[in-house]
Amino acid sequence: CGKTTSLRMVAGLETVDAGCIRIGA
């Protein structure tokens, strides 16, 4: 369903193809 991929996107282990991820500001 994409849950582990989502987590790895936060960790930087998966590329974000569109949109963005923020930690804090």
mmCIF file of all heavy atoms, coordinates in Angstrom:
data_MODEL
# 
_entry.id   MODEL 
# 
loop_
_atom_site.group_PDB 
_atom_site.id 
_atom_site.type_symbol 
_atom_site.label_atom_id 
_atom_site.label_alt_id 
_atom_site.label_comp_id 
_atom_site.label_asym_id 
_atom_site.label_entity_id 
_atom_site.label_seq_id 
_atom_site.pdbx_PDB_ins_code 
_atom_site.Cartn_x 
_atom_site.Cartn_y 
_atom_site.Cartn_z 
_atom_site.occupancy 
_atom_site.B_iso_or_equiv 
_atom_site.pdbx_formal_charge 
_atom_site.auth_seq_id 
_atom_site.auth_comp_id 
_atom_site.auth_asym_id 
_atom_site.auth_atom_id 
_atom_site.pdbx_PDB_model_num 
ATOM 1   N N   . CYS A 1 1  ? 0.812  -1.227 0.000  1.00 0.00 ? 1  CYS A N   1 
ATOM 2   C CA  . CYS A 1 1  ? 0.000  0.000  0.000  1.00 0.00 ? 1  CYS A CA  1 
ATOM 3   C C   . CYS A 1 1  ? 0.845  1.277  0.000  1.00 0.00 ? 1  CYS A C   1 
ATOM 4   O O   . CYS A 1 1  ? 0.307  2.371  -0.155 1.00 0.00 ? 1  CYS A O   1 
ATOM 5   C CB  . CYS A 1 1  ? -0.952 0.013  1.192  1.00 0.00 ? 1  CYS A CB  1 
ATOM 6   S SG  . CYS A 1 1  ? -0.137 0.245  2.786  1.00 0.00 ? 1  CYS A SG  1 
ATOM 7   N N   . GLY A 1 2  ? 2.175  1.157  0.208  1.00 0.00 ? 2  GLY A N   1 
ATOM 8   C CA  . GLY A 1 2  ? 3.038  2.337  0.168  1.00 0.00 ? 2  GLY A CA  1 
ATOM 9   C C   . GLY A 1 2  ? 3.504  2.839  1.514  1.00 0.00 ? 2  GLY A C   1 
ATOM 10  O O   . GLY A 1 2  ? 4.187  3.853  1.594  1.00 0.00 ? 2  GLY A O   1 
ATOM 11  N N   . LYS A 1 3  ? 3.193  2.131  2.588  1.00 0.00 ? 3  LYS A N   1 
ATOM 12  C CA  . LYS A 1 3  ? 3.543  2.646  3.918  1.00 0.00 ? 3  LYS A CA  1 
ATOM 13  C C   . LYS A 1 3  ? 5.052  2.659  4.169  1.00 0.00 ? 3  LYS A C   1 
ATOM 14  O O   . LYS A 1 3  ? 5.594  3.653  4.660  1.00 0.00 ? 3  LYS A O   1 
ATOM 15  C CB  . LYS A 1 3  ? 2.812  1.872  5.013  1.00 0.00 ? 3  LYS A CB  1 
ATOM 16  C CG  . LYS A 1 3  ? 2.947  0.363  4.969  1.00 0.00 ? 3  LYS A CG  1 
ATOM 17  C CD  . LYS A 1 3  ? 1.998  -0.304 5.958  1.00 0.00 ? 3  LYS A CD  1 
ATOM 18  C CE  . LYS A 1 3  ? 2.218  -1.811 5.988  1.00 0.00 ? 3  LYS A CE  1 
ATOM 19  N NZ  . LYS A 1 3  ? 1.827  -2.452 4.708  1.00 0.00 ? 3  LYS A NZ  1 
ATOM 20  N N   . THR A 1 4  ? 5.750  1.572  3.807  1.00 0.00 ? 4  THR A N   1 
ATOM 21  C CA  . THR A 1 4  ? 7.206  1.541  4.005  1.00 0.00 ? 4  THR A CA  1 
ATOM 22  C C   . THR A 1 4  ? 7.897  2.508  3.061  1.00 0.00 ? 4  THR A C   1 
ATOM 23  O O   . THR A 1 4  ? 8.866  3.180  3.450  1.00 0.00 ? 4  THR A O   1 
ATOM 24  C CB  . THR A 1 4  ? 7.746  0.108  3.804  1.00 0.00 ? 4  THR A CB  1 
ATOM 25  O OG1 . THR A 1 4  ? 7.242  -0.729 4.851  1.00 0.00 ? 4  THR A OG1 1 
ATOM 26  C CG2 . THR A 1 4  ? 9.263  0.082  3.860  1.00 0.00 ? 4  THR A CG2 1 
ATOM 27  N N   . THR A 1 5  ? 7.404  2.614  1.833  1.00 0.00 ? 5  THR A N   1 
ATOM 28  C CA  . THR A 1 5  ? 7.968  3.592  0.897  1.00 0.00 ? 5  THR A CA  1 
ATOM 29  C C   . THR A 1 5  ? 7.849  5.004  1.459  1.00 0.00 ? 5  THR A C   1 
ATOM 30  O O   . THR A 1 5  ? 8.787  5.802  1.369  1.00 0.00 ? 5  THR A O   1 
ATOM 31  C CB  . THR A 1 5  ? 7.260  3.492  -0.465 1.00 0.00 ? 5  THR A CB  1 
ATOM 32  O OG1 . THR A 1 5  ? 7.418  2.167  -0.982 1.00 0.00 ? 5  THR A OG1 1 
ATOM 33  C CG2 . THR A 1 5  ? 7.830  4.484  -1.460 1.00 0.00 ? 5  THR A CG2 1 
ATOM 34  N N   . SER A 1 6  ? 6.708  5.333  2.056  1.00 0.00 ? 6  SER A N   1 
ATOM 35  C CA  . SER A 1 6  ? 6.510  6.656  2.662  1.00 0.00 ? 6  SER A CA  1 
ATOM 36  C C   . SER A 1 6  ? 7.547  6.914  3.751  1.00 0.00 ? 6  SER A C   1 
ATOM 37  O O   . SER A 1 6  ? 8.129  8.004  3.845  1.00 0.00 ? 6  SER A O   1 
ATOM 38  C CB  . SER A 1 6  ? 5.102  6.764  3.245  1.00 0.00 ? 6  SER A CB  1 
ATOM 39  O OG  . SER A 1 6  ? 4.120  6.561  2.266  1.00 0.00 ? 6  SER A OG  1 
ATOM 40  N N   . LEU A 1 7  ? 7.778  5.895  4.588  1.00 0.00 ? 7  LEU A N   1 
ATOM 41  C CA  . LEU A 1 7  ? 8.757  6.032  5.678  1.00 0.00 ? 7  LEU A CA  1 
ATOM 42  C C   . LEU A 1 7  ? 10.160 6.239  5.115  1.00 0.00 ? 7  LEU A C   1 
ATOM 43  O O   . LEU A 1 7  ? 10.914 7.100  5.590  1.00 0.00 ? 7  LEU A O   1 
ATOM 44  C CB  . LEU A 1 7  ? 8.713  4.771  6.530  1.00 0.00 ? 7  LEU A CB  1 
ATOM 45  C CG  . LEU A 1 7  ? 9.349  4.861  7.913  1.00 0.00 ? 7  LEU A CG  1 
ATOM 46  C CD1 . LEU A 1 7  ? 8.450  5.651  8.851  1.00 0.00 ? 7  LEU A CD1 1 
ATOM 47  C CD2 . LEU A 1 7  ? 9.600  3.463  8.482  1.00 0.00 ? 7  LEU A CD2 1 
ATOM 48  N N   . ARG A 1 8  ? 10.502 5.470  4.101  1.00 0.00 ? 8  ARG A N   1 
ATOM 49  C CA  . ARG A 1 8  ? 11.838 5.570  3.511  1.00 0.00 ? 8  ARG A CA  1 
ATOM 50  C C   . ARG A 1 8  ? 12.034 6.902  2.776  1.00 0.00 ? 8  ARG A C   1 
ATOM 51  O O   . ARG A 1 8  ? 13.164 7.389  2.654  1.00 0.00 ? 8  ARG A O   1 
ATOM 52  C CB  . ARG A 1 8  ? 12.074 4.393  2.566  1.00 0.00 ? 8  ARG A CB  1 
ATOM 53  C CG  . ARG A 1 8  ? 12.220 3.057  3.312  1.00 0.00 ? 8  ARG A CG  1 
ATOM 54  C CD  . ARG A 1 8  ? 12.229 1.867  2.353  1.00 0.00 ? 8  ARG A CD  1 
ATOM 55  N NE  . ARG A 1 8  ? 13.351 1.909  1.432  1.00 0.00 ? 8  ARG A NE  1 
ATOM 56  C CZ  . ARG A 1 8  ? 14.569 1.450  1.682  1.00 0.00 ? 8  ARG A CZ  1 
ATOM 57  N NH1 . ARG A 1 8  ? 14.825 0.898  2.859  1.00 0.00 ? 8  ARG A NH1 1 
ATOM 58  N NH2 . ARG A 1 8  ? 15.536 1.530  0.779  1.00 0.00 ? 8  ARG A NH2 1 
ATOM 59  N N   . MET A 1 9  ? 10.946 7.500  2.320  1.00 0.00 ? 9  MET A N   1 
ATOM 60  C CA  . MET A 1 9  ? 11.050 8.832  1.717  1.00 0.00 ? 9  MET A CA  1 
ATOM 61  C C   . MET A 1 9  ? 11.448 9.869  2.763  1.00 0.00 ? 9  MET A C   1 
ATOM 62  O O   . MET A 1 9  ? 12.225 10.781 2.485  1.00 0.00 ? 9  MET A O   1 
ATOM 63  C CB  . MET A 1 9  ? 9.719  9.206  1.049  1.00 0.00 ? 9  MET A CB  1 
ATOM 64  C CG  . MET A 1 9  ? 9.428  8.424  -0.227 1.00 0.00 ? 9  MET A CG  1 
ATOM 65  S SD  . MET A 1 9  ? 7.694  8.481  -0.734 1.00 0.00 ? 9  MET A SD  1 
ATOM 66  C CE  . MET A 1 9  ? 7.576  10.150 -1.362 1.00 0.00 ? 9  MET A CE  1 
ATOM 67  N N   . VAL A 1 10 ? 10.920 9.723  3.967  1.00 0.00 ? 10 VAL A N   1 
ATOM 68  C CA  . VAL A 1 10 ? 11.302 10.642 5.050  1.00 0.00 ? 10 VAL A CA  1 
ATOM 69  C C   . VAL A 1 10 ? 12.771 10.443 5.408  1.00 0.00 ? 10 VAL A C   1 
ATOM 70  O O   . VAL A 1 10 ? 13.509 11.409 5.649  1.00 0.00 ? 10 VAL A O   1 
ATOM 71  C CB  . VAL A 1 10 ? 10.427 10.420 6.303  1.00 0.00 ? 10 VAL A CB  1 
ATOM 72  C CG1 . VAL A 1 10 ? 10.865 11.355 7.433  1.00 0.00 ? 10 VAL A CG1 1 
ATOM 73  C CG2 . VAL A 1 10 ? 8.955  10.643 5.987  1.00 0.00 ? 10 VAL A CG2 1 
ATOM 74  N N   . ALA A 1 11 ? 13.212 9.172  5.426  1.00 0.00 ? 11 ALA A N   1 
ATOM 75  C CA  . ALA A 1 11 ? 14.598 8.870  5.786  1.00 0.00 ? 11 ALA A CA  1 
ATOM 76  C C   . ALA A 1 11 ? 15.590 9.272  4.692  1.00 0.00 ? 11 ALA A C   1 
ATOM 77  O O   . ALA A 1 11 ? 16.796 9.354  4.955  1.00 0.00 ? 11 ALA A O   1 
ATOM 78  C CB  . ALA A 1 11 ? 14.731 7.381  6.074  1.00 0.00 ? 11 ALA A CB  1 
ATOM 79  N N   . GLY A 1 12 ? 15.088 9.486  3.477  1.00 0.00 ? 12 GLY A N   1 
ATOM 80  C CA  . GLY A 1 12 ? 15.977 9.808  2.371  1.00 0.00 ? 12 GLY A CA  1 
ATOM 81  C C   . GLY A 1 12 ? 16.472 8.586  1.642  1.00 0.00 ? 12 GLY A C   1 
ATOM 82  O O   . GLY A 1 12 ? 17.386 8.676  0.804  1.00 0.00 ? 12 GLY A O   1 
ATOM 83  N N   . LEU A 1 13 ? 15.866 7.423  1.918  1.00 0.00 ? 13 LEU A N   1 
ATOM 84  C CA  . LEU A 1 13 ? 16.273 6.171  1.271  1.00 0.00 ? 13 LEU A CA  1 
ATOM 85  C C   . LEU A 1 13 ? 15.500 5.916  -0.013 1.00 0.00 ? 13 LEU A C   1 
ATOM 86  O O   . LEU A 1 13 ? 15.815 4.974  -0.743 1.00 0.00 ? 13 LEU A O   1 
ATOM 87  C CB  . LEU A 1 13 ? 16.082 5.000  2.240  1.00 0.00 ? 13 LEU A CB  1 
ATOM 88  C CG  . LEU A 1 13 ? 16.815 5.122  3.578  1.00 0.00 ? 13 LEU A CG  1 
ATOM 89  C CD1 . LEU A 1 13 ? 16.489 3.937  4.473  1.00 0.00 ? 13 LEU A CD1 1 
ATOM 90  C CD2 . LEU A 1 13 ? 18.316 5.248  3.364  1.00 0.00 ? 13 LEU A CD2 1 
ATOM 91  N N   . GLU A 1 14 ? 14.463 6.707  -0.270 1.00 0.00 ? 14 GLU A N   1 
ATOM 92  C CA  . GLU A 1 14 ? 13.710 6.643  -1.520 1.00 0.00 ? 14 GLU A CA  1 
ATOM 93  C C   . GLU A 1 14 ? 13.605 8.045  -2.106 1.00 0.00 ? 14 GLU A C   1 
ATOM 94  O O   . GLU A 1 14 ? 13.447 9.024  -1.363 1.00 0.00 ? 14 GLU A O   1 
ATOM 95  C CB  . GLU A 1 14 ? 12.295 6.088  -1.296 1.00 0.00 ? 14 GLU A CB  1 
ATOM 96  C CG  . GLU A 1 14 ? 12.234 4.628  -0.895 1.00 0.00 ? 14 GLU A CG  1 
ATOM 97  C CD  . GLU A 1 14 ? 12.542 3.677  -2.039 1.00 0.00 ? 14 GLU A CD  1 
ATOM 98  O OE1 . GLU A 1 14 ? 12.683 4.146  -3.183 1.00 0.00 ? 14 GLU A OE1 1 
ATOM 99  O OE2 . GLU A 1 14 ? 12.643 2.471  -1.767 1.00 0.00 ? 14 GLU A OE2 1 
ATOM 100 N N   . THR A 1 15 ? 13.683 8.129  -3.416 1.00 0.00 ? 15 THR A N   1 
ATOM 101 C CA  . THR A 1 15 ? 13.564 9.417  -4.108 1.00 0.00 ? 15 THR A CA  1 
ATOM 102 C C   . THR A 1 15 ? 12.128 9.907  -4.088 1.00 0.00 ? 15 THR A C   1 
ATOM 103 O O   . THR A 1 15 ? 11.189 9.117  -4.230 1.00 0.00 ? 15 THR A O   1 
ATOM 104 C CB  . THR A 1 15 ? 14.026 9.265  -5.571 1.00 0.00 ? 15 THR A CB  1 
ATOM 105 O OG1 . THR A 1 15 ? 15.349 8.751  -5.587 1.00 0.00 ? 15 THR A OG1 1 
ATOM 106 C CG2 . THR A 1 15 ? 13.983 10.597 -6.307 1.00 0.00 ? 15 THR A CG2 1 
ATOM 107 N N   . VAL A 1 16 ? 11.955 11.204 -3.915 1.00 0.00 ? 16 VAL A N   1 
ATOM 108 C CA  . VAL A 1 16 ? 10.634 11.828 -4.033 1.00 0.00 ? 16 VAL A CA  1 
ATOM 109 C C   . VAL A 1 16 ? 10.504 12.345 -5.465 1.00 0.00 ? 16 VAL A C   1 
ATOM 110 O O   . VAL A 1 16 ? 11.224 13.260 -5.867 1.00 0.00 ? 16 VAL A O   1 
ATOM 111 C CB  . VAL A 1 16 ? 10.464 12.974 -3.009 1.00 0.00 ? 16 VAL A CB  1 
ATOM 112 C CG1 . VAL A 1 16 ? 9.084  13.614 -3.155 1.00 0.00 ? 16 VAL A CG1 1 
ATOM 113 C CG2 . VAL A 1 16 ? 10.668 12.463 -1.595 1.00 0.00 ? 16 VAL A CG2 1 
ATOM 114 N N   . ASP A 1 17 ? 9.598  11.752 -6.239 1.00 0.00 ? 17 ASP A N   1 
ATOM 115 C CA  . ASP A 1 17 ? 9.470  12.115 -7.658 1.00 0.00 ? 17 ASP A CA  1 
ATOM 116 C C   . ASP A 1 17 ? 8.656  13.384 -7.861 1.00 0.00 ? 17 ASP A C   1 
ATOM 117 O O   . ASP A 1 17 ? 8.796  14.048 -8.898 1.00 0.00 ? 17 ASP A O   1 
ATOM 118 C CB  . ASP A 1 17 ? 8.831  10.960 -8.434 1.00 0.00 ? 17 ASP A CB  1 
ATOM 119 C CG  . ASP A 1 17 ? 9.728  9.724  -8.452 1.00 0.00 ? 17 ASP A CG  1 
ATOM 120 O OD1 . ASP A 1 17 ? 10.942 9.893  -8.658 1.00 0.00 ? 17 ASP A OD1 1 
ATOM 121 O OD2 . ASP A 1 17 ? 9.222  8.608  -8.236 1.00 0.00 ? 17 ASP A OD2 1 
ATOM 122 N N   . ALA A 1 18 ? 7.785  13.701 -6.930 1.00 0.00 ? 18 ALA A N   1 
ATOM 123 C CA  . ALA A 1 18 ? 6.994  14.936 -7.012 1.00 0.00 ? 18 ALA A CA  1 
ATOM 124 C C   . ALA A 1 18 ? 6.587  15.321 -5.594 1.00 0.00 ? 18 ALA A C   1 
ATOM 125 O O   . ALA A 1 18 ? 6.521  14.478 -4.699 1.00 0.00 ? 18 ALA A O   1 
ATOM 126 C CB  . ALA A 1 18 ? 5.763  14.738 -7.887 1.00 0.00 ? 18 ALA A CB  1 
ATOM 127 N N   . GLY A 1 19 ? 6.294  16.617 -5.395 1.00 0.00 ? 19 GLY A N   1 
ATOM 128 C CA  . GLY A 1 19 ? 5.953  17.085 -4.056 1.00 0.00 ? 19 GLY A CA  1 
ATOM 129 C C   . GLY A 1 19 ? 7.204  17.253 -3.210 1.00 0.00 ? 19 GLY A C   1 
ATOM 130 O O   . GLY A 1 19 ? 8.332  17.269 -3.717 1.00 0.00 ? 19 GLY A O   1 
ATOM 131 N N   . CYS A 1 20 ? 7.007  17.352 -1.906 1.00 0.00 ? 20 CYS A N   1 
ATOM 132 C CA  . CYS A 1 20 ? 8.160  17.536 -1.018 1.00 0.00 ? 20 CYS A CA  1 
ATOM 133 C C   . CYS A 1 20 ? 7.871  16.966 0.364  1.00 0.00 ? 20 CYS A C   1 
ATOM 134 O O   . CYS A 1 20 ? 6.728  16.661 0.708  1.00 0.00 ? 20 CYS A O   1 
ATOM 135 C CB  . CYS A 1 20 ? 8.543  19.008 -0.920 1.00 0.00 ? 20 CYS A CB  1 
ATOM 136 S SG  . CYS A 1 20 ? 7.408  20.027 0.061  1.00 0.00 ? 20 CYS A SG  1 
ATOM 137 N N   . ILE A 1 21 ? 8.948  16.841 1.140  1.00 0.00 ? 21 ILE A N   1 
ATOM 138 C CA  . ILE A 1 21 ? 8.863  16.385 2.528  1.00 0.00 ? 21 ILE A CA  1 
ATOM 139 C C   . ILE A 1 21 ? 9.594  17.396 3.394  1.00 0.00 ? 21 ILE A C   1 
ATOM 140 O O   . ILE A 1 21 ? 10.724 17.808 3.081  1.00 0.00 ? 21 ILE A O   1 
ATOM 141 C CB  . ILE A 1 21 ? 9.466  14.978 2.693  1.00 0.00 ? 21 ILE A CB  1 
ATOM 142 C CG1 . ILE A 1 21 ? 8.582  13.956 1.981  1.00 0.00 ? 21 ILE A CG1 1 
ATOM 143 C CG2 . ILE A 1 21 ? 9.611  14.613 4.166  1.00 0.00 ? 21 ILE A CG2 1 
ATOM 144 C CD1 . ILE A 1 21 ? 9.117  12.553 1.980  1.00 0.00 ? 21 ILE A CD1 1 
ATOM 145 N N   . ARG A 1 22 ? 8.951  17.790 4.482  1.00 0.00 ? 22 ARG A N   1 
ATOM 146 C CA  . ARG A 1 22 ? 9.548  18.745 5.420  1.00 0.00 ? 22 ARG A CA  1 
ATOM 147 C C   . ARG A 1 22 ? 9.714  18.098 6.790  1.00 0.00 ? 22 ARG A C   1 
ATOM 148 O O   . ARG A 1 22 ? 8.847  17.354 7.243  1.00 0.00 ? 22 ARG A O   1 
ATOM 149 C CB  . ARG A 1 22 ? 8.683  20.005 5.553  1.00 0.00 ? 22 ARG A CB  1 
ATOM 150 C CG  . ARG A 1 22 ? 8.479  20.773 4.262  1.00 0.00 ? 22 ARG A CG  1 
ATOM 151 C CD  . ARG A 1 22 ? 7.646  22.033 4.462  1.00 0.00 ? 22 ARG A CD  1 
ATOM 152 N NE  . ARG A 1 22 ? 7.358  22.670 3.186  1.00 0.00 ? 22 ARG A NE  1 
ATOM 153 C CZ  . ARG A 1 22 ? 8.197  23.489 2.552  1.00 0.00 ? 22 ARG A CZ  1 
ATOM 154 N NH1 . ARG A 1 22 ? 9.382  23.768 3.102  1.00 0.00 ? 22 ARG A NH1 1 
ATOM 155 N NH2 . ARG A 1 22 ? 7.866  24.021 1.401  1.00 0.00 ? 22 ARG A NH2 1 
ATOM 156 N N   . ILE A 1 23 ? 10.831 18.404 7.420  1.00 0.00 ? 23 ILE A N   1 
ATOM 157 C CA  . ILE A 1 23 ? 11.035 18.078 8.831  1.00 0.00 ? 23 ILE A CA  1 
ATOM 158 C C   . ILE A 1 23 ? 11.176 19.405 9.548  1.00 0.00 ? 23 ILE A C   1 
ATOM 159 O O   . ILE A 1 23 ? 12.129 20.150 9.313  1.00 0.00 ? 23 ILE A O   1 
ATOM 160 C CB  . ILE A 1 23 ? 12.275 17.187 9.043  1.00 0.00 ? 23 ILE A CB  1 
ATOM 161 C CG1 . ILE A 1 23 ? 12.073 15.843 8.337  1.00 0.00 ? 23 ILE A CG1 1 
ATOM 162 C CG2 . ILE A 1 23 ? 12.536 16.975 10.524 1.00 0.00 ? 23 ILE A CG2 1 
ATOM 163 C CD1 . ILE A 1 23 ? 13.257 14.905 8.414  1.00 0.00 ? 23 ILE A CD1 1 
ATOM 164 N N   . GLY A 1 24 ? 10.189 19.709 10.377 1.00 0.00 ? 24 GLY A N   1 
ATOM 165 C CA  . GLY A 1 24 ? 10.093 21.063 10.915 1.00 0.00 ? 24 GLY A CA  1 
ATOM 166 C C   . GLY A 1 24 ? 9.773  22.003 9.765  1.00 0.00 ? 24 GLY A C   1 
ATOM 167 O O   . GLY A 1 24 ? 8.920  21.725 8.924  1.00 0.00 ? 24 GLY A O   1 
ATOM 168 N N   . ALA A 1 25 ? 10.493 23.120 9.701  1.00 0.00 ? 25 ALA A N   1 
ATOM 169 C CA  . ALA A 1 25 ? 10.271 24.080 8.621  1.00 0.00 ? 25 ALA A CA  1 
ATOM 170 C C   . ALA A 1 25 ? 11.189 23.825 7.433  1.00 0.00 ? 25 ALA A C   1 
ATOM 171 O O   . ALA A 1 25 ? 11.082 24.490 6.403  1.00 0.00 ? 25 ALA A O   1 
ATOM 172 C CB  . ALA A 1 25 ? 10.494 25.503 9.151  1.00 0.00 ? 25 ALA A CB  1 
# 
